Amino acid sequence: MENTPSISVIVSTYNAVDWLEKTLWGYQVQTTFDFEIIVADDGSGPETKSLLDKFSEDFPVPIIHIWQEDDGFQKTRILNKAIQVCRADYILTTDGDCIPKSDFVAQHLENREDRCFLSGGYFKLPLDISKAITKDDIVSQKCFNSKWLKKNGLKFSIKNKKLTATKKSAKILNMITPTTASWNGHNASGWKKDILMVNGFDERMQYGGEDRELGERLINMGFKSKQIRYSALCVHLDHERGYINEKALKVNADIRKNTRIKKYAYTYYGIKKGDIIE
């Protein structure tokens, strides 16, 4: 019988097998294997399943594929399905275009706290470098090395500090960063029971702040947020975003506004449907 993992890593994806493959290579070289991967698939074609079947043959942790029919951008819906199958009592959410640094999972495990969720960071790569990264670059961790990235065309930015921070300086940078510790879809974690308490993600929301809205409700429920954006790092692979639409952005903005103003902690449009709780 398999041991229950300490953390479930939910990786969302949609028809991006090249990027998902690079992401999974990153999970093959983690410093801990006390986790499982739940691939939350928002309607990909058969190529994604084929890729996951291939990886599952020789992968250090279990890979569970949760799929739903393609109905446009419905990430919140597939994430709620994935949350329910997580075996661990702690959940990390990320995306299939985010390669994790080798201590990514370990940092989330090390920093978890009761009644708190963690807000991690990412480092955005341009498209040419995203395409150029190979399996060897991920296994060797070159893709997190600022010198290697500069050699391959990365331009100077103050954000490059994420790549050069030591364990000690990362803790200091986490404390002094002005960035809000929000629930980021690419890199955030929290207790499953806490996520269930607020009823998961609001399924009315499509692209645009849908992840952060969950964090806002967790805070309204009385939970804290903790910044680990310099400690738990992933590199974000560039791609087009054909799923962005103005109508959905307006709907999401209105939902988030209500969540903040009315201090909503529970959504009636989440994992449990039609549950009215006053």
Protein backbone atom coordinates (compact mmCIF):
# COMPACT_ATOMS: atom_id res chain seq x y z
CA MET A 1 0.00 0.00 0.00
CA GLU A 2 1.30 3.45 -0.95
CA ASN A 3 2.04 5.87 1.85
CA THR A 4 -0.06 9.02 1.97
CA PRO A 5 2.09 11.89 0.70
CA SER A 6 2.66 15.01 2.80
CA ILE A 7 1.69 17.30 -0.06
CA SER A 8 -0.40 17.10 -3.23
CA VAL A 9 0.88 19.21 -6.13
CA ILE A 10 -1.93 20.28 -8.48
CA VAL A 11 -0.57 21.17 -11.94
CA SER A 12 -3.12 22.82 -14.23
CA THR A 13 -2.78 22.40 -17.99
CA TYR A 14 -4.51 22.82 -21.33
CA ASN A 15 -3.08 21.63 -24.66
CA ALA A 16 0.53 22.55 -23.89
CA VAL A 17 2.41 19.25 -23.95
CA ASP A 18 5.84 20.77 -24.68
CA TRP A 19 5.63 23.04 -21.64
CA LEU A 20 4.04 20.32 -19.46
CA GLU A 21 6.88 17.95 -20.32
CA LYS A 22 9.47 20.50 -19.18
CA THR A 23 7.46 21.13 -16.00
CA LEU A 24 7.35 17.41 -15.18
CA TRP A 25 11.11 17.09 -15.72
CA GLY A 26 11.41 19.63 -12.91
CA TYR A 27 9.42 17.39 -10.57
CA GLN A 28 11.69 14.46 -11.39
CA VAL A 29 14.63 16.19 -9.68
CA GLN A 30 13.04 17.51 -6.48
CA THR A 31 14.99 17.22 -3.22
CA THR A 32 11.99 15.42 -1.67
CA PHE A 33 9.62 12.89 -3.22
CA ASP A 34 7.07 13.06 -0.40
CA PHE A 35 4.39 14.31 -2.80
CA GLU A 36 1.94 13.30 -5.51
CA ILE A 37 1.08 15.16 -8.72
CA ILE A 38 -2.51 15.81 -9.75
CA VAL A 39 -2.66 17.08 -13.33
CA ALA A 40 -5.79 19.26 -13.58
CA ASP A 41 -6.54 19.10 -17.31
CA ASP A 42 -9.06 21.63 -18.61
CA GLY A 43 -9.99 19.71 -21.76
CA SER A 44 -6.71 18.89 -23.54
CA GLY A 45 -6.58 16.54 -26.51
CA PRO A 46 -5.13 12.98 -26.37
CA GLU A 47 -1.51 14.16 -26.62
CA THR A 48 -1.57 15.20 -22.94
CA LYS A 49 -2.79 11.80 -21.78
CA SER A 50 -0.14 10.08 -23.91
CA LEU A 51 2.56 12.24 -22.36
CA LEU A 52 1.35 11.48 -18.82
CA ASP A 53 1.12 7.75 -19.55
CA LYS A 54 4.75 7.85 -20.72
CA PHE A 55 5.92 9.73 -17.64
CA SER A 56 3.95 7.48 -15.28
CA GLU A 57 5.95 4.44 -16.39
CA ASP A 58 9.07 5.69 -14.60
CA PHE A 59 8.28 8.64 -12.33
CA PRO A 60 9.41 9.01 -8.71
CA VAL A 61 5.92 9.97 -7.46
CA PRO A 62 2.34 9.10 -8.47
CA ILE A 63 0.77 11.12 -11.31
CA ILE A 64 -3.04 11.35 -11.31
CA HIS A 65 -4.73 12.78 -14.41
CA ILE A 66 -8.04 14.62 -13.85
CA TRP A 67 -9.68 15.64 -17.13
CA GLN A 68 -12.86 17.44 -18.16
CA GLU A 69 -14.46 18.24 -21.51
CA ASP A 70 -13.22 21.39 -23.24
CA ASP A 71 -15.77 24.12 -22.46
CA GLY A 72 -13.58 27.19 -22.79
CA PHE A 73 -11.43 28.43 -19.92
CA GLN A 74 -12.81 26.55 -16.89
CA LYS A 75 -9.72 26.31 -14.71
CA THR A 76 -11.64 26.87 -11.47
CA ARG A 77 -13.90 23.91 -12.26
CA ILE A 78 -11.06 21.45 -12.90
CA LEU A 79 -9.11 22.72 -9.88
CA ASN A 80 -12.08 21.99 -7.64
CA LYS A 81 -12.24 18.46 -9.06
CA ALA A 82 -8.51 18.04 -8.45
CA ILE A 83 -8.74 19.28 -4.85
CA GLN A 84 -11.24 16.54 -4.05
CA VAL A 85 -8.93 13.73 -5.18
CA CYS A 86 -5.84 15.02 -3.36
CA ARG A 87 -4.72 12.44 -0.80
CA ALA A 88 -2.47 14.79 1.18
CA ASP A 89 -3.80 17.19 3.79
CA TYR A 90 -1.68 19.98 2.26
CA ILE A 91 -2.06 21.26 -1.31
CA LEU A 92 0.24 23.21 -3.65
CA THR A 93 -1.26 24.72 -6.82
CA THR A 94 0.86 25.56 -9.85
CA ASP A 95 0.67 25.56 -13.65
CA GLY A 96 1.95 23.27 -16.39
CA ASP A 97 4.09 26.08 -17.79
CA CYS A 98 6.08 26.59 -14.57
CA ILE A 99 9.31 24.59 -14.11
CA PRO A 100 9.95 24.13 -10.37
CA LYS A 101 13.38 24.65 -8.85
CA SER A 102 14.73 21.47 -7.23
CA ASP A 103 13.77 22.57 -3.69
CA PHE A 104 10.36 23.92 -4.76
CA VAL A 105 8.24 21.30 -3.02
CA ALA A 106 10.59 21.13 -0.02
CA GLN A 107 10.28 24.90 0.54
CA HIS A 108 6.49 24.67 0.67
CA LEU A 109 6.70 21.79 3.14
CA GLU A 110 9.30 23.58 5.26
CA ASN A 111 7.37 26.86 5.45
CA ARG A 112 3.82 25.60 5.99
CA GLU A 113 2.03 26.83 9.10
CA ASP A 114 -1.33 26.24 10.75
CA ARG A 115 -4.10 28.63 9.66
CA CYS A 116 -1.86 30.07 6.95
CA PHE A 117 -1.30 29.82 3.21
CA LEU A 118 1.97 30.38 1.35
CA SER A 119 2.49 32.74 -1.57
CA GLY A 120 5.40 31.71 -3.81
CA GLY A 121 6.98 33.48 -6.77
CA TYR A 122 7.93 32.90 -10.37
CA PHE A 123 10.48 34.20 -12.80
CA LYS A 124 9.11 34.99 -16.24
CA LEU A 125 11.20 33.88 -19.19
CA PRO A 126 10.92 35.24 -22.75
CA LEU A 127 9.63 32.91 -25.46
CA ASP A 128 13.00 32.22 -27.10
CA ILE A 129 14.59 31.03 -23.84
CA SER A 130 11.43 29.09 -22.95
CA LYS A 131 11.75 27.14 -26.19
CA ALA A 132 15.52 26.66 -25.85
CA ILE A 133 15.47 25.03 -22.38
CA THR A 134 16.26 21.31 -22.59
CA LYS A 135 15.88 18.42 -20.17
CA ASP A 136 19.57 18.68 -19.33
CA ASP A 137 19.15 22.39 -18.49
CA ILE A 138 16.39 21.45 -16.03
CA VAL A 139 18.13 18.44 -14.48
CA SER A 140 21.35 20.46 -14.04
CA GLN A 141 19.30 23.48 -12.83
CA LYS A 142 21.01 25.74 -15.39
CA CYS A 143 17.62 27.27 -16.17
CA PHE A 144 17.71 28.88 -12.70
CA ASN A 145 21.23 30.22 -13.12
CA SER A 146 21.27 33.94 -13.94
CA LYS A 147 24.63 33.71 -15.75
CA TRP A 148 23.37 30.92 -17.99
CA LEU A 149 20.15 32.79 -18.68
CA LYS A 150 22.03 36.02 -19.52
CA LYS A 151 24.27 34.02 -21.86
CA ASN A 152 21.08 32.87 -23.59
CA GLY A 153 19.67 36.38 -23.98
CA LEU A 154 18.07 37.30 -20.67
CA LYS A 155 18.07 41.07 -20.17
CA PHE A 156 19.01 42.79 -16.92
CA SER A 157 16.15 43.40 -14.47
CA ILE A 158 15.84 44.03 -10.74
CA LYS A 159 13.64 40.91 -10.74
CA ASN A 160 16.76 38.84 -11.48
CA LYS A 161 17.37 38.93 -7.70
CA LYS A 162 14.96 36.00 -7.45
CA LEU A 163 17.55 33.87 -9.24
CA THR A 164 20.55 34.93 -7.17
CA ALA A 165 19.03 34.97 -3.67
CA THR A 166 20.65 32.64 -1.12
CA LYS A 167 18.55 30.84 1.47
CA LYS A 168 19.41 33.54 4.01
CA SER A 169 18.87 36.52 1.72
CA ALA A 170 15.63 34.98 0.38
CA LYS A 171 14.13 35.08 3.89
CA ILE A 172 15.04 38.76 4.21
CA LEU A 173 13.67 39.57 0.75
CA ASN A 174 10.44 37.72 1.61
CA MET A 175 10.00 39.99 4.62
CA ILE A 176 10.75 43.31 2.93
CA THR A 177 9.07 42.82 -0.46
CA PRO A 178 6.14 45.21 -0.99
CA THR A 179 4.32 42.54 -3.04
CA THR A 180 1.14 41.25 -1.39
CA ALA A 181 1.23 37.63 -0.26
CA SER A 182 -1.69 36.49 -2.43
CA TRP A 183 -2.84 33.07 -3.61
CA ASN A 184 -0.98 32.84 -6.93
CA GLY A 185 -2.16 30.18 -9.35
CA HIS A 186 1.39 29.46 -10.44
CA ASN A 187 2.78 29.00 -6.92
CA ALA A 188 0.73 28.87 -3.72
CA SER A 189 -0.08 26.31 -1.07
CA GLY A 190 -2.40 25.75 1.86
CA TRP A 191 -4.19 23.19 3.99
CA LYS A 192 -6.86 21.14 2.24
CA LYS A 193 -9.27 21.56 5.16
CA ASP A 194 -8.91 25.36 4.94
CA ILE A 195 -9.57 25.35 1.19
CA LEU A 196 -12.62 23.15 1.70
CA MET A 197 -13.83 25.47 4.47
CA VAL A 198 -14.18 28.32 1.93
CA ASN A 199 -15.58 25.86 -0.67
CA GLY A 200 -12.65 25.97 -3.08
CA PHE A 201 -12.52 28.12 -6.18
CA ASP A 202 -15.49 30.18 -7.43
CA GLU A 203 -16.55 28.44 -10.64
CA ARG A 204 -18.23 31.55 -12.05
CA MET A 205 -14.74 32.92 -12.67
CA GLN A 206 -12.69 32.41 -15.81
CA TYR A 207 -9.26 33.92 -16.50
CA GLY A 208 -8.22 36.95 -14.46
CA GLY A 209 -7.71 36.95 -10.70
CA GLU A 210 -9.60 33.70 -10.11
CA ASP A 211 -6.76 32.31 -7.99
CA ARG A 212 -6.32 35.47 -5.94
CA GLU A 213 -10.03 35.52 -5.13
CA LEU A 214 -9.60 32.21 -3.29
CA GLY A 215 -6.82 33.78 -1.20
CA GLU A 216 -9.00 36.80 -0.45
CA ARG A 217 -11.72 34.53 0.92
CA LEU A 218 -9.20 32.58 2.99
CA ILE A 219 -8.07 35.85 4.55
CA ASN A 220 -11.73 36.83 5.15
CA MET A 221 -12.13 33.50 6.95
CA GLY A 222 -9.34 34.54 9.31
CA PHE A 223 -6.35 32.75 7.79
CA LYS A 224 -2.98 34.45 7.32
CA SER A 225 -0.84 34.64 4.19
CA LYS A 226 2.93 34.22 4.22
CA GLN A 227 5.35 35.42 1.56
CA ILE A 228 7.89 32.89 0.18
CA ARG A 229 8.31 34.32 -3.33
CA TYR A 230 12.12 34.34 -3.06
CA SER A 231 12.35 30.91 -1.39
CA ALA A 232 10.03 28.75 -3.51
CA LEU A 233 10.81 29.57 -7.12
CA CYS A 234 9.67 28.37 -10.52
CA VAL A 235 10.46 29.71 -13.97
CA HIS A 236 7.45 30.59 -16.10
CA LEU A 237 7.56 29.61 -19.76
CA ASP A 238 6.11 32.18 -22.13
CA HIS A 239 3.09 31.50 -24.36
CA GLU A 240 0.12 33.15 -26.03
CA ARG A 241 -3.06 33.73 -23.99
CA GLY A 242 -5.91 33.25 -26.43
CA TYR A 243 -8.35 32.63 -23.58
CA ILE A 244 -8.37 36.24 -22.34
CA ASN A 245 -11.67 38.06 -22.90
CA GLU A 246 -12.89 41.41 -21.60
CA LYS A 247 -16.33 40.17 -20.52
CA ALA A 248 -14.84 37.50 -18.23
CA LEU A 249 -12.34 40.00 -16.82
CA LYS A 250 -15.22 42.34 -15.89
CA VAL A 251 -17.19 39.50 -14.25
CA ASN A 252 -14.11 38.46 -12.26
CA ALA A 253 -13.36 42.02 -11.18
CA ASP A 254 -16.93 42.42 -9.89
CA ILE A 255 -16.77 39.11 -7.98
CA ARG A 256 -13.46 40.08 -6.36
CA LYS A 257 -14.80 43.51 -5.47
CA ASN A 258 -17.78 41.93 -3.70
CA THR A 259 -15.50 39.46 -1.92
CA ARG A 260 -13.38 42.30 -0.57
CA ILE A 261 -16.16 44.75 0.31
CA LYS A 262 -18.63 42.25 1.77
CA LYS A 263 -15.88 40.13 3.35
CA TYR A 264 -17.16 36.92 1.75
CA ALA A 265 -15.30 33.85 2.95
CA TYR A 266 -17.47 31.13 1.42
CA THR A 267 -18.53 30.82 -2.22
CA TYR A 268 -21.86 29.22 -3.13
CA TYR A 269 -20.35 28.42 -6.55
CA GLY A 270 -17.47 26.18 -5.49
CA ILE A 271 -16.94 22.50 -4.73
CA LYS A 272 -20.33 22.14 -3.05
CA LYS A 273 -23.13 23.50 -5.22
CA GLY A 274 -26.19 25.32 -3.87
CA ASP A 275 -25.02 25.31 -0.26
CA ILE A 276 -26.29 28.56 1.23
CA ILE A 277 -24.43 29.40 4.41
CA GLU A 278 -25.27 32.63 6.23
